[in-house]
Every structure is written in structure tokens, then in C-alpha cells.
Amino acid sequence: MSLIPKKKRGRPRKLETMDTLAVRIPDDLVEKIDNYCDRLHADLPGLNISRADAIRQLITVGLREEERRL
């Protein structure tokens, strides 16, 4: 019997849960989102930033700005 504690494998559990939201986005807006994602890759080399990560960031910033405006 080993006294060494076993390490848990896999990705650690996230502190918050996420819901899935499907939306239809026009091609020109998808292109702008992809350009933003490309800029993030250039500004933060070595980080793996997905389109979903970029969209979450844009929504977060947009909502924060709208809350300030209202």
C-alpha cells in the first residue's frame, strides 16, 4: 500500500458553470471576431485563444460598457 497521495488527472473543475448559447451571426461580424482573435494571438503569443474565448471577452467588455453608459 502506497502512502503517496494520487494525483488527479485531467483538467481541474471550473469554479463556475457555463451554459451553451447558439446564435446566428452574419459573415461580416464573424470576420471581425476572427480578426479580433488574430490580434489577441499576436498580442499574447503562446496563449491558445479560441474564437469562443474571444467572443466571451467581447461580450464581457460590451456589457460592462453598456452598464456604465446606462
C-alpha atoms as a PDB file:
ATOM      1  CA  MET A   1       0.000   0.000   0.000  1.00  0.00           C
ATOM      2  CA  SER A   2       1.427   3.355  -1.073  1.00  0.00           C
ATOM      3  CA  LEU A   3       1.435   6.362   1.255  1.00  0.00           C
ATOM      4  CA  ILE A   4       1.952   8.786  -1.633  1.00  0.00           C
ATOM      5  CA  PRO A   5      -1.329  10.564  -2.493  1.00  0.00           C
ATOM      6  CA  LYS A   6      -2.554  10.001  -6.033  1.00  0.00           C
ATOM      7  CA  LYS A   7      -2.571  12.987  -8.351  1.00  0.00           C
ATOM      8  CA  LYS A   8      -5.849  13.732 -10.031  1.00  0.00           C
ATOM      9  CA  ARG A   9      -5.701  13.550 -13.783  1.00  0.00           C
ATOM     10  CA  GLY A  10      -7.334  15.771 -16.328  1.00  0.00           C
ATOM     11  CA  ARG A  11      -8.439  19.352 -16.285  1.00  0.00           C
ATOM     12  CA  PRO A  12      -9.359  20.848 -12.884  1.00  0.00           C
ATOM     13  CA  ARG A  13     -13.043  21.638 -12.378  1.00  0.00           C
ATOM     14  CA  LYS A  14     -14.056  25.191 -13.164  1.00  0.00           C
ATOM     15  CA  LEU A  15     -15.416  27.329 -10.354  1.00  0.00           C
ATOM     16  CA  GLU A  16     -18.388  28.414 -12.428  1.00  0.00           C
ATOM     17  CA  THR A  17     -20.597  26.533 -14.806  1.00  0.00           C
ATOM     18  CA  MET A  18     -21.182  27.618 -18.369  1.00  0.00           C
ATOM     19  CA  ASP A  19     -24.304  27.432 -20.461  1.00  0.00           C
ATOM     20  CA  THR A  20     -24.318  26.932 -24.203  1.00  0.00           C
ATOM     21  CA  LEU A  21     -25.866  29.668 -26.290  1.00  0.00           C
ATOM     22  CA  ALA A  22     -26.335  29.215 -30.026  1.00  0.00           C
ATOM     23  CA  VAL A  23     -26.599  32.385 -32.091  1.00  0.00           C
ATOM     24  CA  ARG A  24     -26.618  33.188 -35.772  1.00  0.00           C
ATOM     25  CA  ILE A  25     -24.008  35.776 -36.695  1.00  0.00           C
ATOM     26  CA  PRO A  26     -23.617  37.435 -40.092  1.00  0.00           C
ATOM     27  CA  ASP A  27     -20.442  36.608 -42.024  1.00  0.00           C
ATOM     28  CA  ASP A  28     -19.073  40.145 -41.749  1.00  0.00           C
ATOM     29  CA  LEU A  29     -19.359  40.049 -37.949  1.00  0.00           C
ATOM     30  CA  VAL A  30     -17.705  36.604 -37.840  1.00  0.00           C
ATOM     31  CA  GLU A  31     -14.833  38.082 -39.835  1.00  0.00           C
ATOM     32  CA  LYS A  32     -14.482  40.928 -37.301  1.00  0.00           C
ATOM     33  CA  ILE A  33     -14.497  38.426 -34.438  1.00  0.00           C
ATOM     34  CA  ASP A  34     -11.811  36.356 -36.175  1.00  0.00           C
ATOM     35  CA  ASN A  35      -9.717  39.495 -36.741  1.00  0.00           C
ATOM     36  CA  TYR A  36     -10.020  40.313 -33.041  1.00  0.00           C
ATOM     37  CA  CYS A  37      -8.953  36.757 -32.202  1.00  0.00           C
ATOM     38  CA  ASP A  38      -5.940  37.099 -34.519  1.00  0.00           C
ATOM     39  CA  ARG A  39      -4.950  40.354 -32.776  1.00  0.00           C
ATOM     40  CA  LEU A  40      -5.173  38.622 -29.393  1.00  0.00           C
ATOM     41  CA  HIS A  41      -2.904  35.836 -30.688  1.00  0.00           C
ATOM     42  CA  ALA A  42      -0.399  38.466 -31.866  1.00  0.00           C
ATOM     43  CA  ASP A  43      -0.576  40.438 -28.592  1.00  0.00           C
ATOM     44  CA  LEU A  44      -0.440  37.349 -26.360  1.00  0.00           C
ATOM     45  CA  PRO A  45       1.867  34.842 -28.061  1.00  0.00           C
ATOM     46  CA  GLY A  46       1.905  31.409 -26.522  1.00  0.00           C
ATOM     47  CA  LEU A  47      -1.683  31.547 -25.322  1.00  0.00           C
ATOM     48  CA  ASN A  48      -4.258  29.398 -27.040  1.00  0.00           C
ATOM     49  CA  ILE A  49      -7.213  31.754 -27.505  1.00  0.00           C
ATOM     50  CA  SER A  50     -10.221  30.248 -29.235  1.00  0.00           C
ATOM     51  CA  ARG A  51     -12.988  32.026 -31.091  1.00  0.00           C
ATOM     52  CA  ALA A  52     -15.258  31.226 -28.125  1.00  0.00           C
ATOM     53  CA  ASP A  53     -12.757  32.870 -25.740  1.00  0.00           C
ATOM     54  CA  ALA A  54     -12.685  35.979 -27.930  1.00  0.00           C
ATOM     55  CA  ILE A  55     -16.483  36.139 -28.092  1.00  0.00           C
ATOM     56  CA  ARG A  56     -16.765  35.792 -24.291  1.00  0.00           C
ATOM     57  CA  GLN A  57     -14.275  38.647 -23.871  1.00  0.00           C
ATOM     58  CA  LEU A  58     -16.119  40.877 -26.353  1.00  0.00           C
ATOM     59  CA  ILE A  59     -19.459  40.206 -24.637  1.00  0.00           C
ATOM     60  CA  THR A  60     -17.964  40.884 -21.196  1.00  0.00           C
ATOM     61  CA  VAL A  61     -16.431  44.199 -22.284  1.00  0.00           C
ATOM     62  CA  GLY A  62     -19.549  45.218 -24.206  1.00  0.00           C
ATOM     63  CA  LEU A  63     -21.842  44.528 -21.258  1.00  0.00           C
ATOM     64  CA  ARG A  64     -19.515  46.377 -18.872  1.00  0.00           C
ATOM     65  CA  GLU A  65     -19.518  49.426 -21.154  1.00  0.00           C
ATOM     66  CA  GLU A  66     -23.309  49.316 -21.528  1.00  0.00           C
ATOM     67  CA  GLU A  67     -23.725  49.165 -17.736  1.00  0.00           C
ATOM     68  CA  ARG A  68     -21.541  52.272 -17.407  1.00  0.00           C
ATOM     69  CA  ARG A  69     -23.496  54.061 -20.131  1.00  0.00           C
ATOM     70  CA  LEU A  70     -26.873  53.237 -18.622  1.00  0.00           C
END
